[in-house]
C-alpha atoms as a PDB file:
ATOM      1  CA  UNK A   1      15.779  58.565  54.561  1.00  0.00           C
ATOM      2  CA  UNK A   2      16.100  59.982  58.028  1.00  0.00           C
ATOM      3  CA  UNK A   3      18.434  59.515  60.962  1.00  0.00           C
ATOM      4  CA  UNK A   4      17.112  59.353  64.509  1.00  0.00           C
ATOM      5  CA  UNK A   5      19.363  61.193  66.924  1.00  0.00           C
ATOM      6  CA  UNK A   6      18.179  61.664  70.497  1.00  0.00           C
ATOM      7  CA  UNK A   7      14.529  61.226  69.405  1.00  0.00           C
ATOM      8  CA  UNK A   8      14.814  63.946  66.739  1.00  0.00           C
ATOM      9  CA  UNK A   9      14.208  62.916  63.128  1.00  0.00           C
ATOM     10  CA  UNK A  10      16.684  64.613  60.852  1.00  0.00           C
ATOM     11  CA  UNK A  11      16.396  64.349  57.053  1.00  0.00           C
ATOM     12  CA  UNK A  12      19.445  62.983  55.318  1.00  0.00           C
ATOM     13  CA  UNK A  13      21.247  65.016  52.689  1.00  0.00           C
ATOM     14  CA  UNK A  14      22.582  63.909  49.348  1.00  0.00           C
ATOM     15  CA  UNK A  15      25.941  65.055  48.085  1.00  0.00           C
ATOM     16  CA  UNK A  16      27.110  64.991  44.474  1.00  0.00           C
ATOM     17  CA  UNK A  17      30.744  64.101  43.891  1.00  0.00           C
ATOM     18  CA  UNK A  18      32.683  64.179  40.630  1.00  0.00           C
ATOM     19  CA  UNK A  19      35.182  61.347  40.329  1.00  0.00           C
ATOM     20  CA  UNK A  20      38.052  60.773  37.970  1.00  0.00           C
ATOM     21  CA  UNK A  21      37.235  57.973  35.487  1.00  0.00           C
ATOM     22  CA  UNK A  22      39.544  55.426  37.156  1.00  0.00           C
ATOM     23  CA  UNK A  23      38.145  56.151  40.616  1.00  0.00           C
ATOM     24  CA  UNK A  24      34.600  55.838  39.264  1.00  0.00           C
ATOM     25  CA  UNK A  25      35.419  52.491  37.635  1.00  0.00           C
ATOM     26  CA  UNK A  26      36.922  51.149  40.858  1.00  0.00           C
ATOM     27  CA  UNK A  27      33.959  52.332  42.898  1.00  0.00           C
ATOM     28  CA  UNK A  28      31.428  50.866  40.475  1.00  0.00           C
ATOM     29  CA  UNK A  29      33.289  47.573  40.475  1.00  0.00           C
ATOM     30  CA  UNK A  30      33.408  47.512  44.280  1.00  0.00           C
ATOM     31  CA  UNK A  31      29.681  48.265  44.478  1.00  0.00           C
ATOM     32  CA  UNK A  32      28.800  45.746  41.786  1.00  0.00           C
ATOM     33  CA  UNK A  33      27.353  48.374  39.435  1.00  0.00           C
ATOM     34  CA  UNK A  34      28.439  47.126  36.066  1.00  0.00           C
ATOM     35  CA  UNK A  35      27.295  47.878  32.521  1.00  0.00           C
ATOM     36  CA  UNK A  36      23.597  47.232  32.121  1.00  0.00           C
ATOM     37  CA  UNK A  37      22.678  48.484  35.595  1.00  0.00           C
ATOM     38  CA  UNK A  38      21.111  51.882  36.091  1.00  0.00           C
ATOM     39  CA  UNK A  39      22.511  53.736  39.130  1.00  0.00           C
ATOM     40  CA  UNK A  40      19.800  56.380  38.687  1.00  0.00           C
ATOM     41  CA  UNK A  41      17.251  53.629  39.294  1.00  0.00           C
ATOM     42  CA  UNK A  42      18.722  53.135  42.763  1.00  0.00           C
ATOM     43  CA  UNK A  43      18.098  56.824  43.527  1.00  0.00           C
ATOM     44  CA  UNK A  44      14.518  56.494  42.258  1.00  0.00           C
ATOM     45  CA  UNK A  45      14.021  53.419  44.439  1.00  0.00           C
ATOM     46  CA  UNK A  46      15.417  55.263  47.458  1.00  0.00           C
ATOM     47  CA  UNK A  47      13.071  58.195  46.768  1.00  0.00           C
ATOM     48  CA  UNK A  48      10.085  55.839  46.493  1.00  0.00           C
ATOM     49  CA  UNK A  49      10.961  54.064  49.735  1.00  0.00           C
ATOM     50  CA  UNK A  50      11.440  57.386  51.509  1.00  0.00           C
ATOM     51  CA  UNK A  51       8.048  58.636  50.253  1.00  0.00           C
ATOM     52  CA  UNK A  52       6.338  55.417  51.387  1.00  0.00           C
ATOM     53  CA  UNK A  53       7.915  55.705  54.838  1.00  0.00           C
ATOM     54  CA  UNK A  54       6.761  59.327  55.078  1.00  0.00           C
ATOM     55  CA  UNK A  55       3.177  58.392  54.154  1.00  0.00           C
ATOM     56  CA  UNK A  56       3.159  55.540  56.682  1.00  0.00           C
ATOM     57  CA  UNK A  57       4.627  57.730  59.434  1.00  0.00           C
ATOM     58  CA  UNK A  58       2.190  60.551  58.712  1.00  0.00           C
ATOM     59  CA  UNK A  59      -0.768  58.165  58.744  1.00  0.00           C
ATOM     60  CA  UNK A  60       0.370  56.660  62.061  1.00  0.00           C
ATOM     61  CA  UNK A  61       0.646  60.126  63.592  1.00  0.00           C
ATOM     62  CA  UNK A  62      -2.831  60.977  62.272  1.00  0.00           C
ATOM     63  CA  UNK A  63      -4.255  57.749  63.721  1.00  0.00           C
ATOM     64  CA  UNK A  64      -4.401  55.726  60.492  1.00  0.00           C
ATOM     65  CA  UNK A  65      -2.581  52.529  59.591  1.00  0.00           C
ATOM     66  CA  UNK A  66      -0.228  53.919  56.924  1.00  0.00           C
ATOM     67  CA  UNK A  67      -1.045  51.147  54.471  1.00  0.00           C
ATOM     68  CA  UNK A  68      -3.306  51.053  51.446  1.00  0.00           C
END
């Protein structure tokens, strides 16, 4: 994902945080990530969406449509 600030595209950064078990449980509950859900899948999905956006943007800049 990117952020647009004053017409400059800046890549976002990911940060890893270690939480105490109780804080993790509360956060997962608040986010709706319960047993049976794969939080890593959300990261994979984000990566896929970011890659698709990059391909589309690159194709637009090169004069293509950005779709297959």
